[in-house]
Amino acid sequence: QVQLVESGGGLVQPGGSLRLSCVASESIFNFEHMDWYRQAPGKQREFVATITGGGTINYRDSVKGRFTISRDSAKNTVYLQMNSLLPEDTAVYLCHARVNPAAESWGQGTQVTVSS
């Protein structure tokens, strides 16, 4: 099973920026898609952004124009650049990989806290 390790979370003031990284234990070149999800305390996990193997990108509406997902296949890494952060962005951010129709993996998550 593919191992995913997230990093880059932390405490940031409203309006600030963070870049999250998700490193996979094997090549992501042929993965169907890789995604970022988030889960705030007491709330359901929600989709944030996705990038397919073909490079198609989608975001949840509330982060459009503020977050950017990208990948570096040579480094087996997917990034989430988060700008203009809001308190409601506070959550544990989790990386997800859909390797193929029968295989998927989740990372352990990285905490993002937006507070003054």
C-alpha atoms as a PDB file:
ATOM      1  CA  GLN A   1       0.000   0.000   0.000  1.00  0.00           C
ATOM      2  CA  VAL A   2       1.193   3.481  -0.832  1.00  0.00           C
ATOM      3  CA  GLN A   3       2.298   5.504   2.183  1.00  0.00           C
ATOM      4  CA  LEU A   4       1.476   9.214   2.196  1.00  0.00           C
ATOM      5  CA  VAL A   5       3.148  11.704   4.519  1.00  0.00           C
ATOM      6  CA  GLU A   6       1.865  15.257   4.838  1.00  0.00           C
ATOM      7  CA  SER A   7       3.792  18.226   6.177  1.00  0.00           C
ATOM      8  CA  GLY A   8       3.674  22.005   6.192  1.00  0.00           C
ATOM      9  CA  GLY A   9       0.829  22.679   8.576  1.00  0.00           C
ATOM     10  CA  GLY A  10       1.001  25.130  11.431  1.00  0.00           C
ATOM     11  CA  LEU A  11      -0.429  28.230  13.057  1.00  0.00           C
ATOM     12  CA  VAL A  12      -0.939  31.249  10.825  1.00  0.00           C
ATOM     13  CA  GLN A  13      -2.771  34.544  11.144  1.00  0.00           C
ATOM     14  CA  PRO A  14      -5.826  35.313   9.016  1.00  0.00           C
ATOM     15  CA  GLY A  15      -4.686  36.428   5.583  1.00  0.00           C
ATOM     16  CA  GLY A  16      -1.510  34.394   5.813  1.00  0.00           C
ATOM     17  CA  SER A  17      -0.216  31.559   3.670  1.00  0.00           C
ATOM     18  CA  LEU A  18       0.947  27.977   4.068  1.00  0.00           C
ATOM     19  CA  ARG A  19       2.151  25.333   1.639  1.00  0.00           C
ATOM     20  CA  LEU A  20       1.290  21.732   2.405  1.00  0.00           C
ATOM     21  CA  SER A  21       3.236  18.827   0.944  1.00  0.00           C
ATOM     22  CA  CYS A  22       2.240  15.190   0.519  1.00  0.00           C
ATOM     23  CA  VAL A  23       5.035  12.772  -0.287  1.00  0.00           C
ATOM     24  CA  ALA A  24       4.174   9.326  -1.600  1.00  0.00           C
ATOM     25  CA  SER A  25       6.272   6.212  -1.038  1.00  0.00           C
ATOM     26  CA  GLU A  26       6.180   5.351  -4.717  1.00  0.00           C
ATOM     27  CA  SER A  27       5.811   7.033  -8.073  1.00  0.00           C
ATOM     28  CA  ILE A  28       2.615   9.035  -8.464  1.00  0.00           C
ATOM     29  CA  PHE A  29       2.967   9.287 -12.225  1.00  0.00           C
ATOM     30  CA  ASN A  30       0.227   6.761 -12.981  1.00  0.00           C
ATOM     31  CA  PHE A  31      -2.096   7.493 -10.069  1.00  0.00           C
ATOM     32  CA  GLU A  32      -5.672   8.199 -11.149  1.00  0.00           C
ATOM     33  CA  HIS A  33      -5.845  11.272  -8.967  1.00  0.00           C
ATOM     34  CA  MET A  34      -4.536  12.801  -5.772  1.00  0.00           C
ATOM     35  CA  ASP A  35      -6.586  14.979  -3.499  1.00  0.00           C
ATOM     36  CA  TRP A  36      -6.588  17.120  -0.417  1.00  0.00           C
ATOM     37  CA  TYR A  37      -9.385  16.804   2.114  1.00  0.00           C
ATOM     38  CA  ARG A  38      -9.860  18.511   5.451  1.00  0.00           C
ATOM     39  CA  GLN A  39     -11.684  17.767   8.654  1.00  0.00           C
ATOM     40  CA  ALA A  40     -12.502  20.330  11.300  1.00  0.00           C
ATOM     41  CA  PRO A  41     -13.422  19.326  14.870  1.00  0.00           C
ATOM     42  CA  GLY A  42     -16.978  18.043  15.037  1.00  0.00           C
ATOM     43  CA  LYS A  43     -17.434  18.219  11.265  1.00  0.00           C
ATOM     44  CA  GLN A  44     -17.389  15.731   8.440  1.00  0.00           C
ATOM     45  CA  ARG A  45     -14.368  15.321   6.225  1.00  0.00           C
ATOM     46  CA  GLU A  46     -14.718  17.509   3.156  1.00  0.00           C
ATOM     47  CA  PHE A  47     -13.099  17.639  -0.249  1.00  0.00           C
ATOM     48  CA  VAL A  48     -10.718  20.534  -0.869  1.00  0.00           C
ATOM     49  CA  ALA A  49      -8.896  19.971  -4.166  1.00  0.00           C
ATOM     50  CA  THR A  50      -7.986  17.292  -6.678  1.00  0.00           C
ATOM     51  CA  ILE A  51      -5.478  16.805  -9.477  1.00  0.00           C
ATOM     52  CA  THR A  52      -5.868  13.910 -11.912  1.00  0.00           C
ATOM     53  CA  GLY A  53      -3.160  11.983 -13.682  1.00  0.00           C
ATOM     54  CA  GLY A  54      -3.973  13.990 -16.777  1.00  0.00           C
ATOM     55  CA  GLY A  55      -3.606  17.263 -14.907  1.00  0.00           C
ATOM     56  CA  THR A  56      -7.267  18.173 -14.500  1.00  0.00           C
ATOM     57  CA  ILE A  57      -7.795  20.253 -11.364  1.00  0.00           C
ATOM     58  CA  ASN A  58     -10.870  21.019  -9.313  1.00  0.00           C
ATOM     59  CA  TYR A  59     -11.528  22.822  -6.037  1.00  0.00           C
ATOM     60  CA  ARG A  60     -14.331  23.224  -3.583  1.00  0.00           C
ATOM     61  CA  ASP A  61     -16.004  26.572  -4.138  1.00  0.00           C
ATOM     62  CA  SER A  62     -14.912  28.131  -0.861  1.00  0.00           C
ATOM     63  CA  VAL A  63     -11.188  27.812  -1.679  1.00  0.00           C
ATOM     64  CA  LYS A  64     -11.256  28.764  -5.366  1.00  0.00           C
ATOM     65  CA  GLY A  65      -8.921  31.662  -6.050  1.00  0.00           C
ATOM     66  CA  ARG A  66      -7.097  31.129  -2.741  1.00  0.00           C
ATOM     67  CA  PHE A  67      -5.737  27.557  -2.884  1.00  0.00           C
ATOM     68  CA  THR A  68      -3.632  25.959  -5.605  1.00  0.00           C
ATOM     69  CA  ILE A  69      -2.961  22.237  -5.975  1.00  0.00           C
ATOM     70  CA  SER A  70       0.060  21.077  -7.927  1.00  0.00           C
ATOM     71  CA  ARG A  71       2.298  18.042  -8.243  1.00  0.00           C
ATOM     72  CA  ASP A  72       5.904  17.191  -8.896  1.00  0.00           C
ATOM     73  CA  SER A  73       5.973  13.644 -10.195  1.00  0.00           C
ATOM     74  CA  ALA A  74       9.757  13.531 -10.064  1.00  0.00           C
ATOM     75  CA  LYS A  75       9.532  14.053  -6.300  1.00  0.00           C
ATOM     76  CA  ASN A  76       6.397  11.906  -5.805  1.00  0.00           C
ATOM     77  CA  THR A  77       4.861  14.967  -4.173  1.00  0.00           C
ATOM     78  CA  VAL A  78       1.592  16.867  -4.314  1.00  0.00           C
ATOM     79  CA  TYR A  79       1.351  20.378  -2.909  1.00  0.00           C
ATOM     80  CA  LEU A  80      -1.439  22.601  -1.672  1.00  0.00           C
ATOM     81  CA  GLN A  81      -0.554  26.291  -1.663  1.00  0.00           C
ATOM     82  CA  MET A  82      -3.006  28.098   0.597  1.00  0.00           C
ATOM     83  CA  ASN A  83      -3.210  31.895   0.480  1.00  0.00           C
ATOM     84  CA  SER A  84      -5.550  34.408   2.116  1.00  0.00           C
ATOM     85  CA  LEU A  85      -6.301  31.914   4.849  1.00  0.00           C
ATOM     86  CA  LEU A  86      -9.466  32.337   6.904  1.00  0.00           C
ATOM     87  CA  PRO A  87     -10.330  31.053  10.371  1.00  0.00           C
ATOM     88  CA  GLU A  88     -12.815  28.684   8.765  1.00  0.00           C
ATOM     89  CA  ASP A  89      -9.926  26.998   6.953  1.00  0.00           C
ATOM     90  CA  THR A  90      -8.783  25.609  10.297  1.00  0.00           C
ATOM     91  CA  ALA A  91      -8.754  21.811  10.083  1.00  0.00           C
ATOM     92  CA  VAL A  92      -6.617  18.725   9.773  1.00  0.00           C
ATOM     93  CA  TYR A  93      -5.651  18.491   6.117  1.00  0.00           C
ATOM     94  CA  LEU A  94      -5.344  14.982   4.708  1.00  0.00           C
ATOM     95  CA  CYS A  95      -3.787  13.744   1.508  1.00  0.00           C
ATOM     96  CA  HIS A  96      -5.577  11.049  -0.473  1.00  0.00           C
ATOM     97  CA  ALA A  97      -4.377   8.989  -3.412  1.00  0.00           C
ATOM     98  CA  ARG A  98      -6.626   7.029  -5.751  1.00  0.00           C
ATOM     99  CA  VAL A  99      -3.983   4.759  -7.210  1.00  0.00           C
ATOM    100  CA  ASN A 100      -6.401   2.725  -9.340  1.00  0.00           C
ATOM    101  CA  PRO A 101     -10.038   1.610  -9.046  1.00  0.00           C
ATOM    102  CA  ALA A 102      -9.087  -0.991  -6.440  1.00  0.00           C
ATOM    103  CA  ALA A 103      -6.507   0.869  -4.374  1.00  0.00           C
ATOM    104  CA  GLU A 104      -6.420   4.076  -2.397  1.00  0.00           C
ATOM    105  CA  SER A 105      -4.429   5.520   0.482  1.00  0.00           C
ATOM    106  CA  TRP A 106      -4.788   8.236   3.085  1.00  0.00           C
ATOM    107  CA  GLY A 107      -2.137  10.151   4.963  1.00  0.00           C
ATOM    108  CA  GLN A 108      -2.241  10.880   8.681  1.00  0.00           C
ATOM    109  CA  GLY A 109      -2.934  14.561   8.201  1.00  0.00           C
ATOM    110  CA  THR A 110      -1.355  17.871   9.129  1.00  0.00           C
ATOM    111  CA  GLN A 111      -2.980  20.469  11.366  1.00  0.00           C
ATOM    112  CA  VAL A 112      -3.683  23.933   9.986  1.00  0.00           C
ATOM    113  CA  THR A 113      -4.824  26.567  12.464  1.00  0.00           C
ATOM    114  CA  VAL A 114      -5.784  30.055  11.320  1.00  0.00           C
ATOM    115  CA  SER A 115      -6.090  32.392  14.260  1.00  0.00           C
ATOM    116  CA  SER A 116      -4.994  35.811  15.455  1.00  0.00           C
END
